[in-house]
Amino acid sequence: MRQSYLFTSESVSEGHPDKVADQISDAVVDLFLAKDPEARVACETLVTTNLVVLAGEIRGRGIMDTQGNWAPGVPEEIEQAVRKTVRRIGYEQDGFHWQQLTFTNNLHPQSAHIAQGVDATGNKDEGAGDQGIMFGFACDETPDLMPATLDYSHKILERMAADRHSGAAAFLQPDAKSQVTLRFEDGRPVRATAVVVSTQHAEGYDEGERETELHDYVKRVVAEVLPDGLLNGETVYHINPTGSFVIGGPDGDAGLTGRKIIVDTYGGAAPHGGGAFSGKDPTKVDRSAAYAARYLAKNIVAAGLARRCTIQLAYAIGVSEPLSLYVDTHGTGTVGDDRLEAAIKRIDKLGGLTPRGIRTHLGLNRPIYSRTAAYGHFGRKADGDLFPWERTDLTDELKAAAQA
């Protein structure tokens, strides 16, 4: 592992068009799981100028039957959830407004051929909702055991969104992006060399005193988010480098579910299997197994068994047991990686890392997903609570099993 280098991660705000799409898709997931904890959902969203389009495959009691007939009132509930999400984000612009947008719902029944592979029947356990590889990661760069560059990029935009909603920075509009570059020495972040923030703003905040006000505000937020000592006189700021950012959100650029998978995970500090999370119920291992891999990696680092840990899981559609489990502690482990793999397999409460075992242990069949769809799925609290895959309740068992 290199010890001295520059590394960069980016984040996007809740008002970024792709994140608007993610939040709408997960609002649909939550709506359906509240009706049927075993609902099957694969909801994709397109957003553009005053238009929201849903597409995908669903199944669930009290939602839609196998012939595609909606339960009474459900289409209206879906539209209400969509408009409520857009309103919560803060879009009341001419080009994208929660009341004025056109909404199209193209959801249809899940394929019976997929259902027969995934559902538990007779002696067959529930299988994975698709094939694929999923990665989890943790490191000791921050208290939340996340890569520092991504953690700070998220927190800058979270703070700006909070100020926008409270009125403390009323000149901000919902769409924004951030990027943080840190210099690492001996594997530790020592200095922020560059910070990029592009934020949609009210008319007039791209020149004169108002532009200075916006720039000063952003620098103040950055200084409050980054730990002491990372910023200095050599840190380079790029704030709205294009000059103006009035037209933004879905009116400025179309958004799609699942296009910000690196923002959602580890900011490029770890591999990614390629599958998106939002819009998918937890039988889809793209989501649930990625959460389980993060849970395991975080517990390994929290237990002091490594400073950095990457975990890969792999599945085949319709098959319950994972095809492989891989642990890599990047030379920072206190025991061998093979012993950590064996230790994980010895923890019975994980249910063999089958889709049902993961869902049961982490309690994933609940409407908890709208809160995940902006500012990352890992390393943070939402509404004051840790996501279940962020718990560190396996540390003692992992240490004991690794020494066995």
Protein backbone atom coordinates (compact mmCIF):
# COMPACT_ATOMS: atom_id res chain seq x y z
CA MET A 1 0.00 0.00 0.00
CA ARG A 2 1.28 3.47 -0.89
CA GLN A 3 1.91 5.67 2.13
CA SER A 4 2.25 9.13 0.53
CA TYR A 5 -0.22 10.29 -2.12
CA LEU A 6 -3.10 12.58 -3.06
CA PHE A 7 -6.63 11.18 -3.10
CA THR A 8 -9.95 12.75 -4.08
CA SER A 9 -13.62 11.89 -3.56
CA GLU A 10 -16.79 13.68 -4.58
CA SER A 11 -20.33 13.96 -3.29
CA VAL A 12 -23.58 15.38 -4.66
CA SER A 13 -26.47 16.96 -2.77
CA GLU A 14 -30.01 15.73 -2.30
CA GLY A 15 -31.02 18.16 -5.06
CA HIS A 16 -28.69 16.71 -7.70
CA PRO A 17 -30.89 15.21 -10.44
CA ASP A 18 -29.54 11.67 -10.01
CA LYS A 19 -30.10 11.90 -6.27
CA VAL A 20 -33.64 13.21 -6.80
CA ALA A 21 -34.25 10.05 -8.84
CA ASP A 22 -32.69 7.84 -6.13
CA GLN A 23 -34.82 9.39 -3.40
CA ILE A 24 -38.01 8.96 -5.41
CA SER A 25 -37.17 5.30 -6.11
CA ASP A 26 -36.52 4.64 -2.44
CA ALA A 27 -39.71 6.46 -1.43
CA VAL A 28 -41.54 3.89 -3.57
CA VAL A 29 -39.60 1.05 -1.90
CA ASP A 30 -40.59 2.36 1.54
CA LEU A 31 -44.23 2.79 0.53
CA PHE A 32 -44.43 -0.82 -0.65
CA LEU A 33 -42.48 -2.36 2.26
CA ALA A 34 -44.83 -0.57 4.67
CA LYS A 35 -47.70 -2.43 2.98
CA ASP A 36 -45.94 -5.79 2.57
CA PRO A 37 -42.54 -6.50 4.20
CA GLU A 38 -42.01 -9.21 1.55
CA ALA A 39 -42.75 -6.88 -1.37
CA ARG A 40 -40.54 -7.17 -4.45
CA VAL A 41 -39.50 -3.82 -5.87
CA ALA A 42 -37.20 -2.77 -8.69
CA CYS A 43 -38.15 0.86 -9.31
CA GLU A 44 -36.24 3.10 -11.71
CA THR A 45 -36.87 6.85 -11.93
CA LEU A 46 -36.17 9.42 -14.65
CA VAL A 47 -36.40 13.11 -13.83
CA THR A 48 -36.10 16.01 -16.24
CA THR A 49 -37.75 19.40 -16.78
CA ASN A 50 -41.06 19.17 -14.87
CA LEU A 51 -41.33 15.44 -15.52
CA VAL A 52 -40.97 12.32 -13.35
CA VAL A 53 -41.24 8.86 -14.92
CA LEU A 54 -41.30 5.58 -12.99
CA ALA A 55 -40.52 2.20 -14.56
CA GLY A 56 -39.74 -1.23 -13.19
CA GLU A 57 -41.10 -4.46 -11.77
CA ILE A 58 -43.03 -4.95 -8.53
CA ARG A 59 -45.05 -7.51 -6.58
CA GLY A 60 -46.71 -7.40 -3.20
CA ARG A 61 -49.85 -7.96 -1.19
CA GLY A 62 -52.10 -4.93 -1.23
CA ILE A 63 -50.05 -3.36 -4.04
CA MET A 64 -50.46 -5.11 -7.40
CA ASP A 65 -51.58 -8.56 -8.46
CA THR A 66 -49.81 -10.78 -10.98
CA GLN A 67 -52.06 -9.49 -13.79
CA GLY A 68 -50.94 -5.92 -13.21
CA ASN A 69 -54.05 -4.69 -11.44
CA TRP A 70 -53.38 -2.07 -8.77
CA ALA A 71 -54.92 -2.33 -5.33
CA PRO A 72 -57.39 0.51 -4.76
CA GLY A 73 -55.74 3.84 -4.03
CA VAL A 74 -52.13 2.67 -4.53
CA PRO A 75 -51.43 4.66 -7.74
CA GLU A 76 -52.54 7.83 -5.96
CA GLU A 77 -50.32 6.99 -2.97
CA ILE A 78 -47.34 6.54 -5.29
CA GLU A 79 -47.89 9.93 -6.89
CA GLN A 80 -48.28 11.53 -3.47
CA ALA A 81 -44.98 9.95 -2.34
CA VAL A 82 -43.22 11.26 -5.45
CA ARG A 83 -44.49 14.81 -5.07
CA LYS A 84 -43.81 14.79 -1.32
CA THR A 85 -40.19 13.75 -1.97
CA VAL A 86 -39.64 16.53 -4.51
CA ARG A 87 -41.22 19.05 -2.13
CA ARG A 88 -39.07 17.89 0.81
CA ILE A 89 -35.91 18.35 -1.26
CA GLY A 90 -37.03 21.91 -1.97
CA TYR A 91 -37.93 22.11 -5.64
CA GLU A 92 -40.41 24.90 -6.32
CA GLN A 93 -38.76 26.26 -9.46
CA ASP A 94 -40.32 27.03 -12.82
CA GLY A 95 -38.38 24.19 -14.44
CA PHE A 96 -39.03 21.62 -11.69
CA HIS A 97 -41.85 22.06 -9.19
CA TRP A 98 -43.45 19.44 -6.99
CA GLN A 99 -46.96 20.65 -7.83
CA GLN A 100 -46.51 21.40 -11.52
CA LEU A 101 -44.47 18.42 -12.71
CA THR A 102 -46.02 15.75 -14.92
CA PHE A 103 -45.94 12.28 -13.38
CA THR A 104 -46.00 9.00 -15.31
CA ASN A 105 -46.17 5.58 -13.62
CA ASN A 106 -45.00 2.61 -15.72
CA LEU A 107 -44.44 0.04 -12.96
CA HIS A 108 -45.60 -3.48 -13.87
CA PRO A 109 -45.63 -7.00 -12.34
CA GLN A 110 -42.38 -8.79 -11.58
CA SER A 111 -41.42 -11.54 -14.01
CA ALA A 112 -42.72 -14.93 -12.90
CA HIS A 113 -39.41 -16.46 -14.00
CA ILE A 114 -37.49 -14.23 -11.60
CA ALA A 115 -40.01 -14.89 -8.83
CA GLN A 116 -39.68 -18.68 -9.10
CA GLY A 117 -35.92 -18.45 -8.61
CA VAL A 118 -36.02 -16.03 -5.70
CA ASP A 119 -38.98 -17.25 -3.62
CA ALA A 120 -38.60 -19.89 -0.93
CA THR A 121 -40.63 -22.99 -1.86
CA GLY A 122 -40.70 -26.46 -0.27
CA ASN A 123 -37.14 -27.37 0.69
CA LYS A 124 -35.68 -24.49 -1.32
CA ASP A 125 -34.53 -21.46 0.67
CA GLU A 126 -35.00 -17.95 -0.66
CA GLY A 127 -32.48 -17.30 -3.40
CA ALA A 128 -30.57 -14.18 -4.36
CA GLY A 129 -32.55 -11.75 -6.50
CA ASP A 130 -29.76 -11.61 -9.07
CA GLN A 131 -26.19 -12.66 -9.69
CA GLY A 132 -23.40 -10.24 -8.87
CA ILE A 133 -20.47 -9.20 -6.75
CA MET A 134 -20.72 -6.80 -3.81
CA PHE A 135 -18.01 -5.03 -1.84
CA GLY A 136 -17.82 -3.60 1.66
CA PHE A 137 -15.08 -1.40 3.07
CA ALA A 138 -13.99 0.30 6.28
CA CYS A 139 -10.88 2.19 7.39
CA ASP A 140 -9.78 4.12 10.44
CA GLU A 141 -9.42 7.54 8.76
CA THR A 142 -12.54 8.94 10.48
CA PRO A 143 -14.58 8.11 13.61
CA ASP A 144 -17.26 6.61 11.35
CA LEU A 145 -14.60 4.33 9.81
CA MET A 146 -15.05 5.84 6.35
CA PRO A 147 -12.61 7.27 3.80
CA ALA A 148 -11.89 10.84 4.89
CA THR A 149 -12.19 12.39 1.43
CA LEU A 150 -15.74 11.08 0.96
CA ASP A 151 -16.80 11.72 4.55
CA TYR A 152 -15.89 15.41 4.36
CA SER A 153 -17.41 15.79 0.87
CA HIS A 154 -20.72 14.45 2.19
CA LYS A 155 -20.68 16.55 5.34
CA ILE A 156 -20.04 19.80 3.45
CA LEU A 157 -23.19 19.30 1.39
CA GLU A 158 -25.26 18.03 4.32
CA ARG A 159 -24.42 21.19 6.24
CA MET A 160 -25.25 23.41 3.26
CA ALA A 161 -28.60 21.64 2.77
CA ALA A 162 -29.43 22.09 6.46
CA ASP A 163 -28.68 25.81 6.19
CA ARG A 164 -30.81 26.06 3.06
CA HIS A 165 -33.77 24.37 4.72
CA SER A 166 -33.46 26.45 7.89
CA GLY A 167 -33.11 29.73 6.00
CA ALA A 168 -29.62 30.38 7.34
CA ALA A 169 -28.36 30.38 3.73
CA ALA A 170 -31.49 31.31 1.81
CA PHE A 171 -29.50 32.12 -1.34
CA LEU A 172 -28.74 28.40 -1.85
CA GLN A 173 -30.82 26.23 -4.18
CA PRO A 174 -31.06 22.41 -3.96
CA ASP A 175 -28.53 21.24 -6.58
CA ALA A 176 -24.88 21.05 -5.47
CA LYS A 177 -21.66 19.05 -5.77
CA SER A 178 -18.50 18.87 -3.69
CA GLN A 179 -15.04 17.36 -3.99
CA VAL A 180 -12.22 17.08 -1.47
CA THR A 181 -8.57 16.27 -2.22
CA LEU A 182 -6.36 15.27 0.69
CA ARG A 183 -2.64 14.63 0.92
CA PHE A 184 -1.78 11.44 2.80
CA GLU A 185 1.54 10.86 4.56
CA ASP A 186 2.30 7.49 6.15
CA GLY A 187 -1.23 6.50 5.16
CA ARG A 188 -2.86 9.31 7.16
CA PRO A 189 -4.60 12.46 5.85
CA VAL A 190 -2.44 15.48 6.72
CA ARG A 191 -3.63 18.35 4.48
CA ALA A 192 -6.48 19.41 2.23
CA THR A 193 -4.87 20.49 -1.03
CA ALA A 194 -8.10 21.34 -2.89
CA VAL A 195 -11.81 21.75 -2.19
CA VAL A 196 -14.41 22.08 -4.95
CA VAL A 197 -17.98 23.22 -4.30
CA SER A 198 -20.48 23.99 -7.03
CA THR A 199 -23.85 25.07 -5.70
CA GLN A 200 -27.02 26.23 -7.38
CA HIS A 201 -27.88 29.71 -6.15
CA ALA A 202 -30.44 32.48 -6.37
CA GLU A 203 -30.22 35.12 -9.10
CA GLY A 204 -27.45 37.67 -8.53
CA TYR A 205 -25.11 35.52 -6.43
CA ASP A 206 -22.63 35.18 -9.29
CA GLU A 207 -21.16 38.68 -9.16
CA GLY A 208 -20.14 41.48 -6.84
CA GLU A 209 -20.79 41.47 -3.10
CA ARG A 210 -23.33 38.65 -3.30
CA GLU A 211 -20.83 36.36 -5.01
CA THR A 212 -18.33 37.21 -2.26
CA GLU A 213 -21.00 36.40 0.35
CA LEU A 214 -21.59 32.98 -1.22
CA HIS A 215 -17.86 32.22 -1.47
CA ASP A 216 -17.23 33.30 2.13
CA TYR A 217 -20.14 31.15 3.29
CA VAL A 218 -18.81 28.05 1.53
CA LYS A 219 -15.32 28.53 2.96
CA ARG A 220 -16.82 28.92 6.42
CA VAL A 221 -18.72 25.64 6.07
CA VAL A 222 -15.60 23.84 4.84
CA ALA A 223 -13.59 25.16 7.79
CA GLU A 224 -16.24 23.94 10.23
CA VAL A 225 -16.52 20.48 8.64
CA LEU A 226 -12.86 19.57 8.13
CA PRO A 227 -10.83 18.73 11.24
CA ASP A 228 -8.35 21.27 12.57
CA GLY A 229 -5.04 21.32 10.76
CA LEU A 230 -6.17 20.04 7.36
CA LEU A 231 -6.77 23.50 5.89
CA ASN A 232 -4.02 26.06 5.47
CA GLY A 233 -3.06 28.97 3.26
CA GLU A 234 -2.08 26.65 0.42
CA THR A 235 -5.49 24.97 0.16
CA VAL A 236 -6.99 25.76 -3.24
CA TYR A 237 -10.74 26.49 -3.41
CA HIS A 238 -12.84 26.16 -6.56
CA ILE A 239 -16.26 27.59 -5.74
CA ASN A 240 -18.75 27.65 -8.63
CA PRO A 241 -15.86 27.57 -11.11
CA THR A 242 -18.19 27.91 -14.12
CA GLY A 243 -19.26 31.34 -12.82
CA SER A 244 -23.05 30.97 -12.62
CA PHE A 245 -25.25 28.12 -11.41
CA VAL A 246 -28.86 29.33 -11.46
CA ILE A 247 -30.37 26.69 -13.74
CA GLY A 248 -29.92 23.35 -12.02
CA GLY A 249 -31.57 20.20 -10.79
CA PRO A 250 -33.63 18.14 -13.24
CA ASP A 251 -34.28 21.28 -15.30
CA GLY A 252 -30.53 21.63 -15.94
CA ASP A 253 -29.67 17.95 -16.38
CA ALA A 254 -31.76 14.78 -16.53
CA GLY A 255 -31.40 12.42 -13.59
CA LEU A 256 -31.61 8.62 -13.35
CA THR A 257 -31.68 6.14 -10.49
CA GLY A 258 -28.36 4.44 -9.80
CA ARG A 259 -25.90 6.77 -11.48
CA LYS A 260 -24.06 7.81 -8.30
CA ILE A 261 -22.88 4.44 -7.02
CA ILE A 262 -19.41 5.66 -6.03
CA VAL A 263 -20.87 8.61 -4.14
CA ASP A 264 -23.22 6.12 -2.45
CA THR A 265 -20.39 3.87 -1.27
CA TYR A 266 -16.72 4.71 -0.65
CA GLY A 267 -15.77 7.53 -2.98
CA GLY A 268 -13.44 5.40 -5.06
CA ALA A 269 -11.39 4.19 -2.09
CA ALA A 270 -12.65 0.62 -2.56
CA PRO A 271 -13.83 -1.57 -5.44
CA HIS A 272 -17.48 -1.54 -6.51
CA GLY A 273 -19.43 -4.45 -7.96
CA GLY A 274 -21.44 -2.18 -10.25
CA GLY A 275 -24.93 -2.63 -8.80
CA ALA A 276 -26.94 0.35 -7.56
CA PHE A 277 -28.90 0.32 -4.29
CA SER A 278 -31.84 2.69 -4.57
CA GLY A 279 -35.19 1.43 -5.82
CA LYS A 280 -34.47 -2.18 -4.81
CA ASP A 281 -36.05 -4.24 -2.06
CA PRO A 282 -33.62 -6.16 0.20
CA THR A 283 -33.98 -9.50 -1.62
CA LYS A 284 -31.77 -7.83 -4.23
CA VAL A 285 -28.25 -8.66 -3.06
CA ASP A 286 -26.95 -5.60 -4.90
CA ARG A 287 -28.33 -3.78 -1.88
CA SER A 288 -28.55 -6.19 1.06
CA ALA A 289 -25.23 -8.00 0.51
CA ALA A 290 -23.41 -4.68 0.01
CA TYR A 291 -24.84 -3.59 3.36
CA ALA A 292 -23.73 -6.88 4.93
CA ALA A 293 -20.22 -6.52 3.49
CA ARG A 294 -19.93 -3.00 4.96
CA TYR A 295 -21.22 -4.33 8.30
CA LEU A 296 -18.55 -7.02 8.40
CA ALA A 297 -15.71 -4.75 7.25
CA LYS A 298 -16.66 -2.09 9.79
CA ASN A 299 -16.78 -4.59 12.64
CA ILE A 300 -13.36 -5.97 11.69
CA VAL A 301 -11.83 -2.47 11.83
CA ALA A 302 -13.79 -1.52 14.97
CA ALA A 303 -12.51 -4.70 16.64
CA GLY A 304 -8.91 -3.61 16.03
CA LEU A 305 -8.32 -6.58 13.73
CA ALA A 306 -7.25 -4.28 10.88
CA ARG A 307 -6.91 -0.59 9.98
CA ARG A 308 -8.39 -1.14 6.53
CA CYS A 309 -10.64 -3.92 5.31
CA THR A 310 -12.27 -4.80 1.99
CA ILE A 311 -14.80 -7.62 1.77
CA GLN A 312 -16.28 -9.18 -1.38
CA LEU A 313 -19.38 -11.36 -1.55
CA ALA A 314 -20.68 -13.06 -4.71
CA TYR A 315 -24.05 -14.61 -5.51
CA ALA A 316 -25.94 -16.46 -8.26
CA ILE A 317 -29.58 -15.68 -8.99
CA GLY A 318 -31.92 -18.07 -7.21
CA VAL A 319 -29.13 -19.55 -5.07
CA SER A 320 -29.17 -18.81 -1.34
CA GLU A 321 -25.57 -19.47 -0.29
CA PRO A 322 -22.90 -16.98 -1.40
CA LEU A 323 -20.50 -18.31 -4.00
CA SER A 324 -17.52 -16.71 -2.31
CA LEU A 325 -16.37 -14.61 0.64
CA TYR A 326 -13.11 -12.68 0.31
CA VAL A 327 -11.36 -10.57 2.96
CA ASP A 328 -8.42 -8.23 2.27
CA THR A 329 -6.96 -6.15 5.10
CA HIS A 330 -4.33 -4.56 2.84
CA GLY A 331 -1.44 -5.62 5.05
CA THR A 332 -2.93 -3.93 8.14
CA GLY A 333 -4.49 -7.01 9.77
CA THR A 334 -3.47 -8.38 13.15
CA VAL A 335 -4.41 -11.90 12.03
CA GLY A 336 -4.38 -13.53 8.61
CA ASP A 337 -7.12 -12.65 6.15
CA ASP A 338 -7.97 -16.35 5.77
CA ARG A 339 -8.60 -16.53 9.52
CA LEU A 340 -10.99 -13.59 9.27
CA GLU A 341 -12.86 -15.36 6.47
CA ALA A 342 -13.15 -18.45 8.66
CA ALA A 343 -14.23 -16.35 11.65
CA ILE A 344 -17.07 -14.75 9.68
CA LYS A 345 -18.32 -18.17 8.60
CA ARG A 346 -18.41 -19.33 12.23
CA ILE A 347 -20.83 -16.61 13.37
CA ASP A 348 -24.21 -18.34 13.30
CA LYS A 349 -26.34 -15.21 13.67
CA LEU A 350 -25.31 -14.11 10.16
CA GLY A 351 -27.35 -16.99 8.74
CA GLY A 352 -24.59 -18.09 6.40
CA LEU A 353 -24.87 -14.70 4.64
CA THR A 354 -27.87 -15.95 2.67
CA PRO A 355 -30.25 -13.23 1.48
CA ARG A 356 -32.77 -14.21 4.16
CA GLY A 357 -30.06 -14.46 6.82
CA ILE A 358 -28.85 -10.95 6.00
CA ARG A 359 -32.36 -9.49 5.91
CA THR A 360 -33.27 -11.13 9.22
CA HIS A 361 -30.13 -10.17 11.13
CA LEU A 362 -30.06 -6.57 9.91
CA GLY A 363 -33.83 -6.10 9.94
CA LEU A 364 -33.98 -4.94 6.34
CA ASN A 365 -37.66 -5.66 5.56
CA ARG A 366 -38.67 -2.24 6.84
CA PRO A 367 -39.35 1.15 5.21
CA ILE A 368 -35.96 2.65 6.09
CA TYR A 369 -34.55 3.39 2.66
CA SER A 370 -35.58 6.94 1.78
CA ARG A 371 -33.09 8.13 4.40
CA THR A 372 -30.23 6.29 2.69
CA ALA A 373 -30.65 7.88 -0.73
CA ALA A 374 -28.60 11.07 -0.23
CA TYR A 375 -25.18 11.69 1.38
CA GLY A 376 -24.12 8.06 1.28
CA HIS A 377 -25.43 4.73 2.51
CA PHE A 378 -22.53 4.21 4.91
CA GLY A 379 -20.80 5.92 7.80
CA ARG A 380 -23.61 8.16 8.98
CA LYS A 381 -26.75 8.48 11.04
CA ALA A 382 -30.16 9.40 9.70
CA ASP A 383 -32.76 11.05 11.91
CA GLY A 384 -30.39 10.45 14.83
CA ASP A 385 -30.17 6.67 14.36
CA LEU A 386 -27.47 4.46 12.90
CA PHE A 387 -28.46 2.31 9.99
CA PRO A 388 -28.41 -1.34 11.15
CA TRP A 389 -25.42 -2.17 8.94
CA GLU A 390 -23.44 0.53 10.76
CA ARG A 391 -23.66 -1.21 14.14
CA THR A 392 -20.45 -2.56 15.66
CA ASP A 393 -22.03 -5.37 17.66
CA LEU A 394 -19.94 -8.19 16.17
CA THR A 395 -16.54 -7.07 17.45
CA ASP A 396 -16.29 -9.44 20.41
CA GLU A 397 -17.45 -12.46 18.42
CA LEU A 398 -15.09 -11.68 15.56
CA LYS A 399 -12.12 -11.33 17.90
CA ALA A 400 -12.95 -14.59 19.64
CA ALA A 401 -13.54 -16.46 16.38
CA ALA A 402 -10.37 -15.07 14.78
CA GLN A 403 -8.30 -16.35 17.71
CA ALA A 404 -9.97 -19.77 17.78
